[in-house]
Amino acid sequence: MDEKSIELLMKVNQKIQEIEDLVIDSEMEHRVLSVVMFGVIPEEALTEENEGEAIEMKSLFQFNIQSKDELKSVTEAIFQAYDREDPLDNLLNSLGLSLN
């Protein structure tokens, strides 16, 4: 993995730790559910020669859950949020505007 990717992963890991510390400092560990996954795909994996090949992604994981049931609840919420249509997109498209 290239140095730029490693540096990014290290910085993200520091930010994740800051969030964990904030939760602990707020004494909210027992009320917070969180799952963080952050991955970086190697640059060489993005070439046409590697299209369709398995990619080994370097990633970070942080969990603040107590059981597989909580994990299931969090992942279901993620799927629902991902599938949900954003009403702001509809409004902007009808006005001919884009945030991109």
PDB file of N, CA and C in Angstrom:
ATOM      1  N   MET A   1       0.846  -1.173   0.000  1.00  0.00           N
ATOM      2  CA  MET A   1       0.000   0.000   0.000  1.00  0.00           C
ATOM      3  C   MET A   1       0.893   1.239   0.000  1.00  0.00           C
ATOM      4  N   ASP A   2       0.486   2.231  -0.763  1.00  0.00           N
ATOM      5  CA  ASP A   2       1.302   3.435  -0.893  1.00  0.00           C
ATOM      6  C   ASP A   2       1.235   4.296   0.368  1.00  0.00           C
ATOM      7  N   GLU A   3       2.227   5.151   0.502  1.00  0.00           N
ATOM      8  CA  GLU A   3       2.383   5.972   1.704  1.00  0.00           C
ATOM      9  C   GLU A   3       1.201   6.921   1.914  1.00  0.00           C
ATOM     10  N   LYS A   4       0.656   7.466   0.819  1.00  0.00           N
ATOM     11  CA  LYS A   4      -0.476   8.386   0.915  1.00  0.00           C
ATOM     12  C   LYS A   4      -1.694   7.677   1.520  1.00  0.00           C
ATOM     13  N   SER A   5      -1.931   6.439   1.119  1.00  0.00           N
ATOM     14  CA  SER A   5      -3.054   5.670   1.648  1.00  0.00           C
ATOM     15  C   SER A   5      -2.852   5.337   3.118  1.00  0.00           C
ATOM     16  N   ILE A   6      -1.634   4.959   3.471  1.00  0.00           N
ATOM     17  CA  ILE A   6      -1.323   4.644   4.866  1.00  0.00           C
ATOM     18  C   ILE A   6      -1.523   5.883   5.738  1.00  0.00           C
ATOM     19  N   GLU A   7      -1.062   7.025   5.248  1.00  0.00           N
ATOM     20  CA  GLU A   7      -1.217   8.280   5.994  1.00  0.00           C
ATOM     21  C   GLU A   7      -2.698   8.600   6.192  1.00  0.00           C
ATOM     22  N   LEU A   8      -3.497   8.418   5.165  1.00  0.00           N
ATOM     23  CA  LEU A   8      -4.933   8.668   5.272  1.00  0.00           C
ATOM     24  C   LEU A   8      -5.561   7.740   6.305  1.00  0.00           C
ATOM     25  N   LEU A   9      -5.241   6.456   6.243  1.00  0.00           N
ATOM     26  CA  LEU A   9      -5.783   5.508   7.212  1.00  0.00           C
ATOM     27  C   LEU A   9      -5.403   5.882   8.641  1.00  0.00           C
ATOM     28  N   MET A  10      -4.185   6.330   8.836  1.00  0.00           N
ATOM     29  CA  MET A  10      -3.738   6.734  10.169  1.00  0.00           C
ATOM     30  C   MET A  10      -4.525   7.957  10.666  1.00  0.00           C
ATOM     31  N   LYS A  11      -4.741   8.937   9.786  1.00  0.00           N
ATOM     32  CA  LYS A  11      -5.494  10.133  10.167  1.00  0.00           C
ATOM     33  C   LYS A  11      -6.948   9.800  10.481  1.00  0.00           C
ATOM     34  N   VAL A  12      -7.533   8.931   9.675  1.00  0.00           N
ATOM     35  CA  VAL A  12      -8.919   8.529   9.922  1.00  0.00           C
ATOM     36  C   VAL A  12      -9.011   7.774  11.241  1.00  0.00           C
ATOM     37  N   ASN A  13      -8.046   6.910  11.502  1.00  0.00           N
ATOM     38  CA  ASN A  13      -8.031   6.173  12.762  1.00  0.00           C
ATOM     39  C   ASN A  13      -7.977   7.126  13.954  1.00  0.00           C
ATOM     40  N   GLN A  14      -7.211   8.207  13.830  1.00  0.00           N
ATOM     41  CA  GLN A  14      -7.141   9.211  14.903  1.00  0.00           C
ATOM     42  C   GLN A  14      -8.501   9.876  15.117  1.00  0.00           C
ATOM     43  N   LYS A  15      -9.191  10.184  14.019  1.00  0.00           N
ATOM     44  CA  LYS A  15     -10.514  10.813  14.122  1.00  0.00           C
ATOM     45  C   LYS A  15     -11.525   9.856  14.753  1.00  0.00           C
ATOM     46  N   ILE A  16     -11.463   8.593  14.372  1.00  0.00           N
ATOM     47  CA  ILE A  16     -12.351   7.600  14.975  1.00  0.00           C
ATOM     48  C   ILE A  16     -12.096   7.515  16.475  1.00  0.00           C
ATOM     49  N   GLN A  17     -10.833   7.551  16.862  1.00  0.00           N
ATOM     50  CA  GLN A  17     -10.493   7.522  18.290  1.00  0.00           C
ATOM     51  C   GLN A  17     -11.024   8.761  18.996  1.00  0.00           C
ATOM     52  N   GLU A  18     -10.978   9.914  18.322  1.00  0.00           N
ATOM     53  CA  GLU A  18     -11.530  11.141  18.908  1.00  0.00           C
ATOM     54  C   GLU A  18     -13.027  10.984  19.163  1.00  0.00           C
ATOM     55  N   ILE A  19     -13.728  10.360  18.240  1.00  0.00           N
ATOM     56  CA  ILE A  19     -15.165  10.128  18.410  1.00  0.00           C
ATOM     57  C   ILE A  19     -15.408   9.183  19.584  1.00  0.00           C
ATOM     58  N   GLU A  20     -14.635   8.117  19.654  1.00  0.00           N
ATOM     59  CA  GLU A  20     -14.758   7.186  20.784  1.00  0.00           C
ATOM     60  C   GLU A  20     -14.511   7.908  22.108  1.00  0.00           C
ATOM     61  N   ASP A  21     -13.481   8.729  22.150  1.00  0.00           N
ATOM     62  CA  ASP A  21     -13.164   9.487  23.365  1.00  0.00           C
ATOM     63  C   ASP A  21     -14.300  10.445  23.729  1.00  0.00           C
ATOM     64  N   LEU A  22     -14.904  11.078  22.727  1.00  0.00           N
ATOM     65  CA  LEU A  22     -16.022  11.988  22.959  1.00  0.00           C
ATOM     66  C   LEU A  22     -17.199  11.238  23.590  1.00  0.00           C
ATOM     67  N   VAL A  23     -17.493  10.063  23.086  1.00  0.00           N
ATOM     68  CA  VAL A  23     -18.582   9.254  23.643  1.00  0.00           C
ATOM     69  C   VAL A  23     -18.280   8.893  25.092  1.00  0.00           C
ATOM     70  N   ILE A  24     -17.052   8.470  25.351  1.00  0.00           N
ATOM     71  CA  ILE A  24     -16.648   8.095  26.714  1.00  0.00           C
ATOM     72  C   ILE A  24     -16.690   9.308  27.644  1.00  0.00           C
ATOM     73  N   ASP A  25     -16.146  10.444  27.188  1.00  0.00           N
ATOM     74  CA  ASP A  25     -16.154  11.664  28.000  1.00  0.00           C
ATOM     75  C   ASP A  25     -17.575  12.128  28.309  1.00  0.00           C
ATOM     76  N   SER A  26     -18.501  11.838  27.405  1.00  0.00           N
ATOM     77  CA  SER A  26     -19.907  12.205  27.599  1.00  0.00           C
ATOM     78  C   SER A  26     -20.663  11.173  28.427  1.00  0.00           C
ATOM     79  N   GLU A  27     -19.948  10.113  28.814  1.00  0.00           N
ATOM     80  CA  GLU A  27     -20.537   9.004  29.573  1.00  0.00           C
ATOM     81  C   GLU A  27     -21.779   8.453  28.875  1.00  0.00           C
ATOM     82  N   MET A  28     -21.639   8.240  27.566  1.00  0.00           N
ATOM     83  CA  MET A  28     -22.765   7.783  26.752  1.00  0.00           C
ATOM     84  C   MET A  28     -22.517   6.418  26.111  1.00  0.00           C
ATOM     85  N   GLU A  29     -21.482   5.712  26.537  1.00  0.00           N
ATOM     86  CA  GLU A  29     -21.148   4.427  25.911  1.00  0.00           C
ATOM     87  C   GLU A  29     -22.333   3.464  25.915  1.00  0.00           C
ATOM     88  N   HIS A  30     -23.107   3.492  26.986  1.00  0.00           N
ATOM     89  CA  HIS A  30     -24.236   2.576  27.127  1.00  0.00           C
ATOM     90  C   HIS A  30     -25.430   2.969  26.260  1.00  0.00           C
ATOM     91  N   ARG A  31     -25.378   4.161  25.632  1.00  0.00           N
ATOM     92  CA  ARG A  31     -26.499   4.642  24.816  1.00  0.00           C
ATOM     93  C   ARG A  31     -26.140   4.820  23.347  1.00  0.00           C
ATOM     94  N   VAL A  32     -24.888   4.636  23.009  1.00  0.00           N
ATOM     95  CA  VAL A  32     -24.442   4.868  21.633  1.00  0.00           C
ATOM     96  C   VAL A  32     -24.199   3.539  20.928  1.00  0.00           C
ATOM     97  N   LEU A  33     -24.787   3.399  19.761  1.00  0.00           N
ATOM     98  CA  LEU A  33     -24.501   2.270  18.873  1.00  0.00           C
ATOM     99  C   LEU A  33     -23.765   2.842  17.678  1.00  0.00           C
ATOM    100  N   SER A  34     -22.647   2.234  17.334  1.00  0.00           N
ATOM    101  CA  SER A  34     -21.942   2.712  16.150  1.00  0.00           C
ATOM    102  C   SER A  34     -21.122   1.596  15.528  1.00  0.00           C
ATOM    103  N   VAL A  35     -21.042   1.678  14.222  1.00  0.00           N
ATOM    104  CA  VAL A  35     -20.188   0.794  13.448  1.00  0.00           C
ATOM    105  C   VAL A  35     -19.516   1.676  12.404  1.00  0.00           C
ATOM    106  N   VAL A  36     -18.195   1.675  12.398  1.00  0.00           N
ATOM    107  CA  VAL A  36     -17.442   2.459  11.427  1.00  0.00           C
ATOM    108  C   VAL A  36     -16.587   1.502  10.618  1.00  0.00           C
ATOM    109  N   MET A  37     -16.702   1.612   9.309  1.00  0.00           N
ATOM    110  CA  MET A  37     -15.835   0.857   8.409  1.00  0.00           C
ATOM    111  C   MET A  37     -15.299   1.864   7.402  1.00  0.00           C
ATOM    112  N   PHE A  38     -13.994   1.928   7.282  1.00  0.00           N
ATOM    113  CA  PHE A  38     -13.357   2.857   6.355  1.00  0.00           C
ATOM    114  C   PHE A  38     -12.308   2.083   5.589  1.00  0.00           C
ATOM    115  N   GLY A  39     -12.403   2.078   4.270  1.00  0.00           N
ATOM    116  CA  GLY A  39     -11.467   1.300   3.473  1.00  0.00           C
ATOM    117  C   GLY A  39     -10.854   2.106   2.347  1.00  0.00           C
ATOM    118  N   VAL A  40      -9.648   1.707   1.972  1.00  0.00           N
ATOM    119  CA  VAL A  40      -8.936   2.335   0.854  1.00  0.00           C
ATOM    120  C   VAL A  40      -8.567   1.235  -0.132  1.00  0.00           C
ATOM    121  N   ILE A  41      -9.000   1.427  -1.364  1.00  0.00           N
ATOM    122  CA  ILE A  41      -8.698   0.482  -2.435  1.00  0.00           C
ATOM    123  C   ILE A  41      -7.348   0.859  -3.036  1.00  0.00           C
ATOM    124  N   PRO A  42      -6.454  -0.107  -3.223  1.00  0.00           N
ATOM    125  CA  PRO A  42      -5.158   0.212  -3.836  1.00  0.00           C
ATOM    126  C   PRO A  42      -5.345   0.787  -5.243  1.00  0.00           C
ATOM    127  N   GLU A  43      -4.566   1.778  -5.568  1.00  0.00           N
ATOM    128  CA  GLU A  43      -4.653   2.455  -6.871  1.00  0.00           C
ATOM    129  C   GLU A  43      -4.559   1.461  -8.022  1.00  0.00           C
ATOM    130  N   GLU A  44      -3.649   0.499  -7.919  1.00  0.00           N
ATOM    131  CA  GLU A  44      -3.454  -0.462  -9.011  1.00  0.00           C
ATOM    132  C   GLU A  44      -4.675  -1.348  -9.238  1.00  0.00           C
ATOM    133  N   ALA A  45      -5.535  -1.461  -8.242  1.00  0.00           N
ATOM    134  CA  ALA A  45      -6.739  -2.283  -8.378  1.00  0.00           C
ATOM    135  C   ALA A  45      -7.785  -1.604  -9.263  1.00  0.00           C
ATOM    136  N   LEU A  46      -7.608  -0.320  -9.522  1.00  0.00           N
ATOM    137  CA  LEU A  46      -8.588   0.438 -10.300  1.00  0.00           C
ATOM    138  C   LEU A  46      -8.324   0.411 -11.804  1.00  0.00           C
ATOM    139  N   THR A  47      -7.322  -0.320 -12.241  1.00  0.00           N
ATOM    140  CA  THR A  47      -7.008  -0.384 -13.664  1.00  0.00           C
ATOM    141  C   THR A  47      -7.921  -1.374 -14.371  1.00  0.00           C
ATOM    142  N   GLU A  48      -8.066  -1.189 -15.679  1.00  0.00           N
ATOM    143  CA  GLU A  48      -8.909  -2.086 -16.469  1.00  0.00           C
ATOM    144  C   GLU A  48      -8.408  -3.521 -16.440  1.00  0.00           C
ATOM    145  N   GLU A  49      -7.086  -3.711 -16.335  1.00  0.00           N
ATOM    146  CA  GLU A  49      -6.532  -5.066 -16.298  1.00  0.00           C
ATOM    147  C   GLU A  49      -7.034  -5.843 -15.092  1.00  0.00           C
ATOM    148  N   ASN A  50      -7.332  -5.149 -14.001  1.00  0.00           N
ATOM    149  CA  ASN A  50      -7.769  -5.788 -12.766  1.00  0.00           C
ATOM    150  C   ASN A  50      -9.285  -5.819 -12.606  1.00  0.00           C
ATOM    151  N   GLU A  51     -10.012  -5.353 -13.639  1.00  0.00           N
ATOM    152  CA  GLU A  51     -11.466  -5.318 -13.561  1.00  0.00           C
ATOM    153  C   GLU A  51     -12.016  -6.735 -13.362  1.00  0.00           C
ATOM    154  N   GLY A  52     -12.898  -6.877 -12.398  1.00  0.00           N
ATOM    155  CA  GLY A  52     -13.490  -8.180 -12.110  1.00  0.00           C
ATOM    156  C   GLY A  52     -12.671  -9.036 -11.170  1.00  0.00           C
ATOM    157  N   GLU A  53     -11.471  -8.590 -10.830  1.00  0.00           N
ATOM    158  CA  GLU A  53     -10.609  -9.341  -9.913  1.00  0.00           C
ATOM    159  C   GLU A  53     -10.979  -8.997  -8.467  1.00  0.00           C
ATOM    160  N   ALA A  54     -10.677  -9.910  -7.566  1.00  0.00           N
ATOM    161  CA  ALA A  54     -10.873  -9.637  -6.141  1.00  0.00           C
ATOM    162  C   ALA A  54      -9.888  -8.553  -5.714  1.00  0.00           C
ATOM    163  N   ILE A  55     -10.358  -7.644  -4.897  1.00  0.00           N
ATOM    164  CA  ILE A  55      -9.538  -6.525  -4.444  1.00  0.00           C
ATOM    165  C   ILE A  55      -9.269  -6.678  -2.953  1.00  0.00           C
ATOM    166  N   GLU A  56      -8.019  -6.550  -2.578  1.00  0.00           N
ATOM    167  CA  GLU A  56      -7.665  -6.562  -1.157  1.00  0.00           C
ATOM    168  C   GLU A  56      -7.602  -5.127  -0.684  1.00  0.00           C
ATOM    169  N   MET A  57      -8.617  -4.748   0.062  1.00  0.00           N
ATOM    170  CA  MET A  57      -8.736  -3.382   0.532  1.00  0.00           C
ATOM    171  C   MET A  57      -8.203  -3.291   1.963  1.00  0.00           C
ATOM    172  N   LYS A  58      -7.438  -2.265   2.248  1.00  0.00           N
ATOM    173  CA  LYS A  58      -6.983  -1.997   3.607  1.00  0.00           C
ATOM    174  C   LYS A  58      -8.101  -1.235   4.302  1.00  0.00           C
ATOM    175  N   SER A  59      -8.486  -1.704   5.472  1.00  0.00           N
ATOM    176  CA  SER A  59      -9.630  -1.078   6.114  1.00  0.00           C
ATOM    177  C   SER A  59      -9.498  -1.026   7.627  1.00  0.00           C
ATOM    178  N   LEU A  60     -10.295  -0.117   8.199  1.00  0.00           N
ATOM    179  CA  LEU A  60     -10.392   0.066   9.642  1.00  0.00           C
ATOM    180  C   LEU A  60     -11.817  -0.265  10.062  1.00  0.00           C
ATOM    181  N   PHE A  61     -11.964  -0.843  11.219  1.00  0.00           N
ATOM    182  CA  PHE A  61     -13.282  -1.132  11.777  1.00  0.00           C
ATOM    183  C   PHE A  61     -13.312  -0.664  13.218  1.00  0.00           C
ATOM    184  N   GLN A  62     -14.434  -0.105  13.623  1.00  0.00           N
ATOM    185  CA  GLN A  62     -14.653   0.264  15.019  1.00  0.00           C
ATOM    186  C   GLN A  62     -16.104  -0.042  15.319  1.00  0.00           C
ATOM    187  N   PHE A  63     -16.337  -0.767  16.401  1.00  0.00           N
ATOM    188  CA  PHE A  63     -17.686  -1.146  16.787  1.00  0.00           C
ATOM    189  C   PHE A  63     -17.979  -0.649  18.191  1.00  0.00           C
ATOM    190  N   ASN A  64     -19.136  -0.086  18.371  1.00  0.00           N
ATOM    191  CA  ASN A  64     -19.637   0.210  19.708  1.00  0.00           C
ATOM    192  C   ASN A  64     -21.016  -0.433  19.789  1.00  0.00           C
ATOM    193  N   ILE A  65     -21.014  -1.758  19.808  1.00  0.00           N
ATOM    194  CA  ILE A  65     -22.233  -2.555  19.916  1.00  0.00           C
ATOM    195  C   ILE A  65     -21.936  -3.703  20.870  1.00  0.00           C
ATOM    196  N   GLN A  66     -23.002  -4.260  21.434  1.00  0.00           N
ATOM    197  CA  GLN A  66     -22.822  -5.288  22.444  1.00  0.00           C
ATOM    198  C   GLN A  66     -23.165  -6.700  21.977  1.00  0.00           C
ATOM    199  N   SER A  67     -23.843  -6.804  20.830  1.00  0.00           N
ATOM    200  CA  SER A  67     -24.281  -8.132  20.401  1.00  0.00           C
ATOM    201  C   SER A  67     -24.490  -8.173  18.894  1.00  0.00           C
ATOM    202  N   LYS A  68     -24.643  -9.384  18.384  1.00  0.00           N
ATOM    203  CA  LYS A  68     -24.943  -9.533  16.956  1.00  0.00           C
ATOM    204  C   LYS A  68     -26.335  -8.992  16.637  1.00  0.00           C
ATOM    205  N   ASP A  69     -27.240  -9.023  17.607  1.00  0.00           N
ATOM    206  CA  ASP A  69     -28.569  -8.442  17.395  1.00  0.00           C
ATOM    207  C   ASP A  69     -28.464  -6.934  17.175  1.00  0.00           C
ATOM    208  N   GLU A  70     -27.622  -6.272  17.970  1.00  0.00           N
ATOM    209  CA  GLU A  70     -27.409  -4.839  17.767  1.00  0.00           C
ATOM    210  C   GLU A  70     -26.750  -4.581  16.421  1.00  0.00           C
ATOM    211  N   LEU A  71     -25.789  -5.418  16.057  1.00  0.00           N
ATOM    212  CA  LEU A  71     -25.145  -5.288  14.752  1.00  0.00           C
ATOM    213  C   LEU A  71     -26.172  -5.425  13.628  1.00  0.00           C
ATOM    214  N   LYS A  72     -27.055  -6.399  13.761  1.00  0.00           N
ATOM    215  CA  LYS A  72     -28.099  -6.603  12.752  1.00  0.00           C
ATOM    216  C   LYS A  72     -29.002  -5.372  12.660  1.00  0.00           C
ATOM    217  N   SER A  73     -29.379  -4.801  13.797  1.00  0.00           N
ATOM    218  CA  SER A  73     -30.221  -3.599  13.805  1.00  0.00           C
ATOM    219  C   SER A  73     -29.530  -2.429  13.102  1.00  0.00           C
ATOM    220  N   VAL A  74     -28.239  -2.255  13.390  1.00  0.00           N
ATOM    221  CA  VAL A  74     -27.486  -1.153  12.788  1.00  0.00           C
ATOM    222  C   VAL A  74     -27.359  -1.360  11.273  1.00  0.00           C
ATOM    223  N   THR A  75     -27.032  -2.567  10.837  1.00  0.00           N
ATOM    224  CA  THR A  75     -26.876  -2.805   9.395  1.00  0.00           C
ATOM    225  C   THR A  75     -28.209  -2.668   8.666  1.00  0.00           C
ATOM    226  N   GLU A  76     -29.309  -3.094   9.301  1.00  0.00           N
ATOM    227  CA  GLU A  76     -30.631  -2.908   8.685  1.00  0.00           C
ATOM    228  C   GLU A  76     -30.942  -1.425   8.534  1.00  0.00           C
ATOM    229  N   ALA A  77     -30.590  -0.627   9.542  1.00  0.00           N
ATOM    230  CA  ALA A  77     -30.809   0.817   9.464  1.00  0.00           C
ATOM    231  C   ALA A  77     -29.982   1.430   8.336  1.00  0.00           C
ATOM    232  N   ILE A  78     -28.753   0.936   8.156  1.00  0.00           N
ATOM    233  CA  ILE A  78     -27.894   1.431   7.072  1.00  0.00           C
ATOM    234  C   ILE A  78     -28.518   1.111   5.722  1.00  0.00           C
ATOM    235  N   PHE A  79     -28.984  -0.129   5.549  1.00  0.00           N
ATOM    236  CA  PHE A  79     -29.634  -0.508   4.287  1.00  0.00           C
ATOM    237  C   PHE A  79     -30.865   0.355   4.025  1.00  0.00           C
ATOM    238  N   GLN A  80     -31.671   0.591   5.043  1.00  0.00           N
ATOM    239  CA  GLN A  80     -32.872   1.412   4.871  1.00  0.00           C
ATOM    240  C   GLN A  80     -32.504   2.845   4.490  1.00  0.00           C
ATOM    241  N   ALA A  81     -31.502   3.394   5.130  1.00  0.00           N
ATOM    242  CA  ALA A  81     -31.079   4.758   4.813  1.00  0.00           C
ATOM    243  C   ALA A  81     -30.506   4.842   3.407  1.00  0.00           C
ATOM    244  N   TYR A  82     -29.790   3.813   2.996  1.00  0.00           N
ATOM    245  CA  TYR A  82     -29.189   3.792   1.653  1.00  0.00           C
ATOM    246  C   TYR A  82     -30.275   3.709   0.583  1.00  0.00           C
ATOM    247  N   ASP A  83     -31.305   2.927   0.850  1.00  0.00           N
ATOM    248  CA  ASP A  83     -32.381   2.736  -0.130  1.00  0.00           C
ATOM    249  C   ASP A  83     -33.380   3.877  -0.158  1.00  0.00           C
ATOM    250  N   ARG A  84     -33.389   4.670   0.908  1.00  0.00           N
ATOM    251  CA  ARG A  84     -34.359   5.756   1.006  1.00  0.00           C
ATOM    252  C   ARG A  84     -34.053   6.820  -0.032  1.00  0.00           C
ATOM    253  N   GLU A  85     -35.093   7.268  -0.720  1.00  0.00           N
ATOM    254  CA  GLU A  85     -34.933   8.340  -1.696  1.00  0.00           C
ATOM    255  C   GLU A  85     -34.839   9.662  -0.949  1.00  0.00           C
ATOM    256  N   ASP A  86     -33.909  10.508  -1.345  1.00  0.00           N
ATOM    257  CA  ASP A  86     -33.706  11.794  -0.686  1.00  0.00           C
ATOM    258  C   ASP A  86     -34.660  12.835  -1.284  1.00  0.00           C
ATOM    259  N   PRO A  87     -35.613  13.338  -0.480  1.00  0.00           N
ATOM    260  CA  PRO A  87     -36.563  14.327  -1.008  1.00  0.00           C
ATOM    261  C   PRO A  87     -35.874  15.595  -1.506  1.00  0.00           C
ATOM    262  N   LEU A  88     -34.704  15.942  -0.944  1.00  0.00           N
ATOM    263  CA  LEU A  88     -33.973  17.113  -1.400  1.00  0.00           C
ATOM    264  C   LEU A  88     -33.520  16.929  -2.844  1.00  0.00           C
ATOM    265  N   ASP A  89     -33.120  15.700  -3.219  1.00  0.00           N
ATOM    266  CA  ASP A  89     -32.733  15.431  -4.607  1.00  0.00           C
ATOM    267  C   ASP A  89     -33.888  15.720  -5.556  1.00  0.00           C
ATOM    268  N   ASN A  90     -35.090  15.278  -5.193  1.00  0.00           N
ATOM    269  CA  ASN A  90     -36.260  15.515  -6.046  1.00  0.00           C
ATOM    270  C   ASN A  90     -36.529  17.007  -6.198  1.00  0.00           C
ATOM    271  N   LEU A  91     -36.437  17.746  -5.099  1.00  0.00           N
ATOM    272  CA  LEU A  91     -36.667  19.186  -5.139  1.00  0.00           C
ATOM    273  C   LEU A  91     -35.641  19.867  -6.037  1.00  0.00           C
ATOM    274  N   LEU A  92     -34.364  19.537  -5.850  1.00  0.00           N
ATOM    275  CA  LEU A  92     -33.326  20.178  -6.639  1.00  0.00           C
ATOM    276  C   LEU A  92     -33.438  19.823  -8.108  1.00  0.00           C
ATOM    277  N   ASN A  93     -33.737  18.547  -8.402  1.00  0.00           N
ATOM    278  CA  ASN A  93     -33.869  18.139  -9.809  1.00  0.00           C
ATOM    279  C   ASN A  93     -35.033  18.852 -10.476  1.00  0.00           C
ATOM    280  N   SER A  94     -36.148  19.028  -9.757  1.00  0.00           N
ATOM    281  CA  SER A  94     -37.292  19.715 -10.351  1.00  0.00           C
ATOM    282  C   SER A  94     -36.990  21.186 -10.608  1.00  0.00           C
ATOM    283  N   LEU A  95     -36.027  21.732  -9.867  1.00  0.00           N
ATOM    284  CA  LEU A  95     -35.628  23.123 -10.066  1.00  0.00           C
ATOM    285  C   LEU A  95     -34.476  23.261 -11.056  1.00  0.00           C
ATOM    286  N   GLY A  96     -33.948  22.094 -11.503  1.00  0.00           N
ATOM    287  CA  GLY A  96     -32.820  22.120 -12.412  1.00  0.00           C
ATOM    288  C   GLY A  96     -31.494  22.406 -11.722  1.00  0.00           C
ATOM    289  N   LEU A  97     -31.421  22.176 -10.419  1.00  0.00           N
ATOM    290  CA  LEU A  97     -30.221  22.447  -9.647  1.00  0.00           C
ATOM    291  C   LEU A  97     -29.553  21.143  -9.243  1.00  0.00           C
ATOM    292  N   SER A  98     -28.237  21.221  -8.973  1.00  0.00           N
ATOM    293  CA  SER A  98     -27.491  20.068  -8.504  1.00  0.00           C
ATOM    294  C   SER A  98     -26.493  20.527  -7.464  1.00  0.00           C
ATOM    295  N   LEU A  99     -26.241  19.662  -6.466  1.00  0.00           N
ATOM    296  CA  LEU A  99     -25.226  19.979  -5.465  1.00  0.00           C
ATOM    297  C   LEU A  99     -23.869  19.446  -5.860  1.00  0.00           C
ATOM    298  N   ASN A 100     -23.773  18.767  -6.981  1.00  0.00           N
ATOM    299  CA  ASN A 100     -22.497  18.188  -7.439  1.00  0.00           C
ATOM    300  C   ASN A 100     -21.649  19.200  -8.150  1.00  0.00           C
TER     301      ASN A 100
END
